[in-house]
C-alpha atoms as a PDB file:
ATOM      1  CA  MET A   1     -15.654  24.872 119.844  1.00  0.00           C
ATOM      2  CA  ALA A   2     -19.073  26.185 120.306  1.00  0.00           C
ATOM      3  CA  LYS A   3     -20.569  24.153 117.261  1.00  0.00           C
ATOM      4  CA  LEU A   4     -19.405  21.061 119.088  1.00  0.00           C
ATOM      5  CA  LEU A   5     -21.866  22.180 121.748  1.00  0.00           C
ATOM      6  CA  GLN A   6     -19.106  22.129 124.331  1.00  0.00           C
ATOM      7  CA  PRO A   7     -18.275  25.815 124.814  1.00  0.00           C
ATOM      8  CA  GLU A   8     -15.944  24.877 127.804  1.00  0.00           C
ATOM      9  CA  LEU A   9     -13.532  23.558 125.249  1.00  0.00           C
ATOM     10  CA  ALA A  10     -12.657  27.110 124.207  1.00  0.00           C
ATOM     11  CA  ASN A  11     -10.928  27.617 127.510  1.00  0.00           C
ATOM     12  CA  ASP A  12      -9.514  24.089 127.893  1.00  0.00           C
ATOM     13  CA  PRO A  13      -5.729  24.569 128.360  1.00  0.00           C
ATOM     14  CA  ARG A  14      -5.005  21.766 125.953  1.00  0.00           C
ATOM     15  CA  PHE A  15      -6.642  23.586 123.092  1.00  0.00           C
ATOM     16  CA  THR A  16      -5.862  27.339 123.647  1.00  0.00           C
ATOM     17  CA  ALA A  17      -3.229  27.478 120.893  1.00  0.00           C
ATOM     18  CA  ASN A  18      -2.458  25.715 117.733  1.00  0.00           C
ATOM     19  CA  PHE A  19       0.724  24.061 118.953  1.00  0.00           C
ATOM     20  CA  LYS A  20      -1.225  22.716 121.956  1.00  0.00           C
ATOM     21  CA  ARG A  21      -4.060  21.307 119.802  1.00  0.00           C
ATOM     22  CA  VAL A  22      -1.354  19.677 117.559  1.00  0.00           C
ATOM     23  CA  ALA A  23       0.122  18.112 120.709  1.00  0.00           C
ATOM     24  CA  GLU A  24      -3.344  16.875 121.785  1.00  0.00           C
ATOM     25  CA  ARG A  25      -4.486  15.965 118.230  1.00  0.00           C
ATOM     26  CA  THR A  26      -5.614  12.425 119.347  1.00  0.00           C
ATOM     27  CA  ALA A  27      -7.788  13.756 122.170  1.00  0.00           C
ATOM     28  CA  LEU A  28      -9.220  16.608 120.100  1.00  0.00           C
ATOM     29  CA  ARG A  29      -9.996  14.297 117.211  1.00  0.00           C
ATOM     30  CA  GLN A  30     -11.816  12.018 119.558  1.00  0.00           C
ATOM     31  CA  ILE A  31     -13.882  14.997 121.003  1.00  0.00           C
ATOM     32  CA  ILE A  32     -14.825  15.899 117.268  1.00  0.00           C
ATOM     33  CA  VAL A  33     -15.715  12.358 116.380  1.00  0.00           C
ATOM     34  CA  ASP A  34     -17.823  11.880 119.400  1.00  0.00           C
ATOM     35  CA  ALA A  35     -19.674  15.214 118.955  1.00  0.00           C
ATOM     36  CA  PHE A  36     -20.496  14.465 115.214  1.00  0.00           C
ATOM     37  CA  ALA A  37     -20.960  10.676 115.229  1.00  0.00           C
ATOM     38  CA  PRO A  38     -24.609  10.731 116.104  1.00  0.00           C
ATOM     39  CA  LEU A  39     -25.628  13.365 113.630  1.00  0.00           C
ATOM     40  CA  THR A  40     -26.841  12.830 110.045  1.00  0.00           C
ATOM     41  CA  GLY A  41     -24.803  14.190 107.125  1.00  0.00           C
ATOM     42  CA  ALA A  42     -27.341  17.099 106.796  1.00  0.00           C
ATOM     43  CA  GLN A  43     -26.933  18.030 110.438  1.00  0.00           C
ATOM     44  CA  VAL A  44     -23.047  17.937 110.282  1.00  0.00           C
ATOM     45  CA  VAL A  45     -23.287  20.282 107.206  1.00  0.00           C
ATOM     46  CA  GLU A  46     -25.738  22.516 109.101  1.00  0.00           C
ATOM     47  CA  ARG A  47     -23.312  22.805 112.008  1.00  0.00           C
ATOM     48  CA  LEU A  48     -20.291  23.423 109.774  1.00  0.00           C
ATOM     49  CA  GLU A  49     -22.192  26.091 107.793  1.00  0.00           C
ATOM     50  CA  ALA A  50     -23.372  27.851 111.047  1.00  0.00           C
ATOM     51  CA  ALA A  51     -19.760  27.922 112.218  1.00  0.00           C
ATOM     52  CA  GLN A  52     -18.632  29.182 108.716  1.00  0.00           C
ATOM     53  CA  ILE A  53     -16.297  26.229 108.379  1.00  0.00           C
ATOM     54  CA  ALA A  54     -15.622  25.298 104.721  1.00  0.00           C
ATOM     55  CA  ASN A  55     -16.820  21.885 103.912  1.00  0.00           C
ATOM     56  CA  ALA A  56     -17.801  19.594 101.156  1.00  0.00           C
ATOM     57  CA  ARG A  57     -19.796  16.360 101.038  1.00  0.00           C
ATOM     58  CA  VAL A  58     -18.546  13.326  99.439  1.00  0.00           C
ATOM     59  CA  SER A  59     -21.221  12.121  97.020  1.00  0.00           C
ATOM     60  CA  SER A  60     -22.112   8.555  96.320  1.00  0.00           C
ATOM     61  CA  MET A  61     -22.377   7.594  92.572  1.00  0.00           C
ATOM     62  CA  HIS A  62     -26.154   7.675  92.918  1.00  0.00           C
ATOM     63  CA  ASP A  63     -25.941  11.236  94.279  1.00  0.00           C
ATOM     64  CA  VAL A  64     -23.686  12.147  91.378  1.00  0.00           C
ATOM     65  CA  TRP A  65     -26.089  10.699  88.844  1.00  0.00           C
ATOM     66  CA  ASP A  66     -29.094  12.446  90.448  1.00  0.00           C
ATOM     67  CA  HIS A  67     -27.369  15.709  91.053  1.00  0.00           C
ATOM     68  CA  PRO A  68     -29.822  18.528  89.986  1.00  0.00           C
ATOM     69  CA  GLN A  69     -27.027  20.910  88.877  1.00  0.00           C
ATOM     70  CA  LEU A  70     -25.501  18.316  86.641  1.00  0.00           C
ATOM     71  CA  LYS A  71     -28.935  17.665  85.084  1.00  0.00           C
ATOM     72  CA  ALA A  72     -29.799  21.352  84.786  1.00  0.00           C
ATOM     73  CA  ARG A  73     -26.561  22.103  82.916  1.00  0.00           C
ATOM     74  CA  GLY A  74     -26.906  19.189  80.643  1.00  0.00           C
ATOM     75  CA  ARG A  75     -23.735  17.570  81.766  1.00  0.00           C
ATOM     76  CA  TRP A  76     -24.816  13.914  81.020  1.00  0.00           C
ATOM     77  CA  THR A  77     -24.567  12.144  77.766  1.00  0.00           C
ATOM     78  CA  GLU A  78     -24.489   8.439  76.710  1.00  0.00           C
ATOM     79  CA  VAL A  79     -21.749   6.489  75.177  1.00  0.00           C
ATOM     80  CA  GLY A  80     -21.788   3.072  73.465  1.00  0.00           C
ATOM     81  CA  SER A  81     -20.229  -0.022  74.964  1.00  0.00           C
ATOM     82  CA  PRO A  82     -19.997  -3.655  74.287  1.00  0.00           C
ATOM     83  CA  LYS A  83     -22.784  -4.137  76.725  1.00  0.00           C
ATOM     84  CA  GLY A  84     -25.075  -1.159  75.418  1.00  0.00           C
ATOM     85  CA  MET A  85     -25.387   2.504  76.121  1.00  0.00           C
ATOM     86  CA  LEU A  86     -23.963   3.876  79.327  1.00  0.00           C
ATOM     87  CA  PRO A  87     -24.445   7.239  81.004  1.00  0.00           C
ATOM     88  CA  ALA A  88     -21.375   9.383  80.934  1.00  0.00           C
ATOM     89  CA  LEU A  89     -20.571  12.669  82.446  1.00  0.00           C
ATOM     90  CA  LEU A  90     -19.236  15.273  80.064  1.00  0.00           C
ATOM     91  CA  PRO A  91     -15.695  16.492  80.986  1.00  0.00           C
ATOM     92  CA  PRO A  92     -15.330  20.060  82.206  1.00  0.00           C
ATOM     93  CA  GLY A  93     -14.686  22.759  79.792  1.00  0.00           C
ATOM     94  CA  THR A  94     -16.209  23.897  76.461  1.00  0.00           C
ATOM     95  CA  TRP A  95     -15.242  23.033  72.863  1.00  0.00           C
ATOM     96  CA  ASP A  96     -16.313  24.466  69.518  1.00  0.00           C
ATOM     97  CA  GLU A  97     -17.316  21.085  68.239  1.00  0.00           C
ATOM     98  CA  GLY A  98     -18.119  19.419  71.713  1.00  0.00           C
ATOM     99  CA  PRO A  99     -15.978  16.887  73.619  1.00  0.00           C
ATOM    100  CA  ARG A 100     -14.928  13.733  72.037  1.00  0.00           C
ATOM    101  CA  MET A 101     -16.938  10.891  73.699  1.00  0.00           C
ATOM    102  CA  ASP A 102     -16.078   7.633  71.831  1.00  0.00           C
ATOM    103  CA  PRO A 103     -17.701   4.358  72.742  1.00  0.00           C
ATOM    104  CA  VAL A 104     -15.988   2.263  75.398  1.00  0.00           C
ATOM    105  CA  PRO A 105     -13.757  -0.134  73.504  1.00  0.00           C
ATOM    106  CA  ALA A 106     -14.335  -4.061  73.924  1.00  0.00           C
ATOM    107  CA  LEU A 107     -11.485  -5.758  75.819  1.00  0.00           C
ATOM    108  CA  GLY A 108      -8.609  -5.992  73.488  1.00  0.00           C
ATOM    109  CA  GLU A 109     -10.453  -4.038  70.647  1.00  0.00           C
ATOM    110  CA  HIS A 110      -7.367  -1.741  70.054  1.00  0.00           C
ATOM    111  CA  THR A 111      -4.574  -4.152  71.026  1.00  0.00           C
ATOM    112  CA  ASP A 112      -3.319  -4.945  67.519  1.00  0.00           C
ATOM    113  CA  ALA A 113      -3.459  -1.259  66.426  1.00  0.00           C
ATOM    114  CA  ILE A 114      -1.548  -0.098  69.500  1.00  0.00           C
ATOM    115  CA  LEU A 115       1.183  -2.848  69.043  1.00  0.00           C
ATOM    116  CA  ALA A 116       1.555  -1.918  65.387  1.00  0.00           C
ATOM    117  CA  GLU A 117       1.939   1.763  66.350  1.00  0.00           C
ATOM    118  CA  LEU A 118       4.549   0.660  68.891  1.00  0.00           C
ATOM    119  CA  GLY A 119       6.454  -0.963  65.977  1.00  0.00           C
ATOM    120  CA  TYR A 120       5.501  -4.670  66.250  1.00  0.00           C
ATOM    121  CA  GLY A 121       5.057  -6.449  62.942  1.00  0.00           C
ATOM    122  CA  GLN A 122       2.037  -8.627  62.012  1.00  0.00           C
ATOM    123  CA  SER A 123       3.977 -11.849  62.711  1.00  0.00           C
ATOM    124  CA  GLU A 124       5.068 -10.565  66.168  1.00  0.00           C
ATOM    125  CA  ILE A 125       1.595  -9.617  67.014  1.00  0.00           C
ATOM    126  CA  ALA A 126       0.358 -13.009  65.849  1.00  0.00           C
ATOM    127  CA  ALA A 127       2.927 -14.651  68.064  1.00  0.00           C
ATOM    128  CA  LEU A 128       1.886 -12.571  71.079  1.00  0.00           C
ATOM    129  CA  HIS A 129      -1.723 -13.815  70.359  1.00  0.00           C
ATOM    130  CA  ALA A 130      -0.660 -17.512  70.058  1.00  0.00           C
ATOM    131  CA  ALA A 131       1.311 -17.220  73.262  1.00  0.00           C
ATOM    132  CA  LYS A 132      -1.810 -15.660  74.841  1.00  0.00           C
ATOM    133  CA  ALA A 133       0.283 -12.709  75.946  1.00  0.00           C
ATOM    134  CA  VAL A 134      -2.361 -10.325  74.656  1.00  0.00           C
END
């Protein structure tokens, strides 16, 4: 409780055992929220690290796109799309020939092929199109 900068909480009878903390979960949660609410994300991480509490930050998409480790490891590529090239994160793992990174299909681009693979005939597919079901 020291990293909440409230050392007196360590001796608070509501929190001296796990079953007591569970019973007082709402009160304890509010104490934690109040202690961390005015802090920046970096300050929260600093306190958690100092207390040796495992933690992880949730990144925004901008943070992910700008992540220095992803850049350093060459984890970004580009894929085609109907609107042009898009940045794409390579999947984890390694391959002898590299991962398959096909272009993003246009809406409905593979519909007929998938329906045919599912056993629909050309006339059935045409009827689905005519009915605007696909």
